[in-house]
Amino acid sequence: MKFKSLPKIYRLPTLALIACVGGAFVFGWQNEIITIWISNGIYHFEFPFYLEKLFGFENGVSVWFARDFWYAELGVSILVGLWGAYQMGARVVGMKVKNK
């Protein structure tokens, strides 16, 4: 599917829905990694691409902080998806009303 083949009014909501699904997979996967580390007795988490080193954490961050961070990101991803779904529905209904 070519993204430019969509009408302009549907591009941003479609992108939001794609970001929601991708975010759900990525952030859910990170939470699964944290759960595995906790079950193995590892209580520090290293963010991808060594992001914790940018903020001054040398040995990773607490798994509890990381878990809460990824759950927050998952929540934001769901909100973006809900916004995209709402906008998609509103624009479809708007087009039907406009075409009557």
Protein backbone atom coordinates (compact mmCIF):
# COMPACT_ATOMS: atom_id res chain seq x y z
CA MET A 1 0.00 0.00 0.00
CA LYS A 2 1.38 3.34 -0.99
CA PHE A 3 0.83 5.93 1.69
CA LYS A 4 0.49 8.75 -0.84
CA SER A 5 -2.32 6.88 -2.59
CA LEU A 6 -4.57 7.63 0.40
CA PRO A 7 -6.58 10.85 0.36
CA LYS A 8 -4.88 13.55 2.46
CA ILE A 9 -7.54 13.55 5.17
CA TYR A 10 -6.88 9.85 5.95
CA ARG A 11 -3.07 9.94 6.07
CA LEU A 12 -2.57 11.19 9.63
CA PRO A 13 -5.19 8.90 11.22
CA THR A 14 -3.76 5.94 9.30
CA LEU A 15 -0.27 6.81 10.50
CA ALA A 16 -1.60 7.06 14.08
CA LEU A 17 -3.17 3.59 13.82
CA ILE A 18 0.06 2.13 12.42
CA ALA A 19 2.06 3.78 15.22
CA CYS A 20 -0.38 2.37 17.80
CA VAL A 21 0.01 -1.20 16.57
CA GLY A 22 3.78 -0.88 16.25
CA GLY A 23 4.04 0.74 19.68
CA ALA A 24 1.95 -2.01 21.26
CA PHE A 25 4.34 -4.64 19.91
CA VAL A 26 7.53 -2.76 20.82
CA PHE A 27 6.49 -1.61 24.30
CA GLY A 28 4.88 -4.95 25.12
CA TRP A 29 8.10 -6.67 24.07
CA GLN A 30 10.15 -4.42 26.35
CA ASN A 31 7.82 -5.24 29.26
CA GLU A 32 8.27 -8.94 28.51
CA ILE A 33 12.05 -8.49 28.64
CA ILE A 34 11.73 -6.79 32.03
CA THR A 35 9.57 -9.65 33.32
CA ILE A 36 12.14 -12.20 32.16
CA TRP A 37 14.97 -10.25 33.79
CA ILE A 38 13.08 -10.04 37.09
CA SER A 39 12.40 -13.78 37.01
CA ASN A 40 16.14 -14.35 36.50
CA GLY A 41 17.01 -12.13 39.48
CA ILE A 42 18.32 -9.17 37.48
CA TYR A 43 17.03 -5.92 38.98
CA HIS A 44 18.58 -3.36 36.65
CA PHE A 45 17.43 -2.63 33.13
CA GLU A 46 19.46 -1.29 30.26
CA PHE A 47 17.42 0.76 27.82
CA PRO A 48 17.92 0.12 24.10
CA PHE A 49 20.78 1.96 22.42
CA TYR A 50 22.35 2.73 25.83
CA LEU A 51 19.92 5.61 26.45
CA GLU A 52 20.44 5.40 30.21
CA LYS A 53 24.09 6.41 29.73
CA LEU A 54 22.90 9.70 28.19
CA PHE A 55 21.10 10.48 31.45
CA GLY A 56 24.01 9.53 33.70
CA PHE A 57 23.05 5.99 34.78
CA GLU A 58 26.12 3.79 34.44
CA ASN A 59 24.73 0.38 35.40
CA GLY A 60 21.22 0.66 34.01
CA VAL A 61 18.09 1.80 35.82
CA SER A 62 15.78 0.07 38.26
CA VAL A 63 13.54 -2.50 36.61
CA TRP A 64 10.59 -0.97 38.43
CA PHE A 65 11.25 2.45 36.89
CA ALA A 66 11.77 0.88 33.48
CA ARG A 67 8.56 -1.16 33.81
CA ASP A 68 6.55 1.95 34.68
CA PHE A 69 8.18 3.86 31.81
CA TRP A 70 7.26 1.19 29.24
CA TYR A 71 3.72 0.93 30.60
CA ALA A 72 3.39 4.71 30.24
CA GLU A 73 4.63 4.49 26.66
CA LEU A 74 2.14 1.70 26.01
CA GLY A 75 -0.63 3.93 27.39
CA VAL A 76 0.43 6.79 25.12
CA SER A 77 0.46 4.39 22.18
CA ILE A 78 -3.10 3.29 22.97
CA LEU A 79 -4.23 6.93 23.26
CA VAL A 80 -2.67 7.71 19.87
CA GLY A 81 -4.50 4.72 18.39
CA LEU A 82 -7.80 5.80 19.91
CA TRP A 83 -7.30 9.31 18.56
CA GLY A 84 -6.50 7.91 15.10
CA ALA A 85 -9.57 5.65 15.16
CA TYR A 86 -11.78 8.56 16.25
CA GLN A 87 -10.39 10.81 13.54
CA MET A 88 -10.79 8.11 10.91
CA GLY A 89 -14.42 7.57 11.90
CA ALA A 90 -15.17 11.28 12.09
CA ARG A 91 -13.69 11.89 8.66
CA VAL A 92 -15.56 8.98 7.09
CA VAL A 93 -18.86 10.20 8.56
CA GLY A 94 -18.00 13.74 7.55
CA MET A 95 -17.42 12.63 3.96
CA LYS A 96 -20.76 10.77 3.91
CA VAL A 97 -22.61 13.83 5.23
CA LYS A 98 -20.79 16.09 2.78
CA ASN A 99 -21.65 13.86 -0.18
CA LYS A 100 -25.41 13.79 0.54
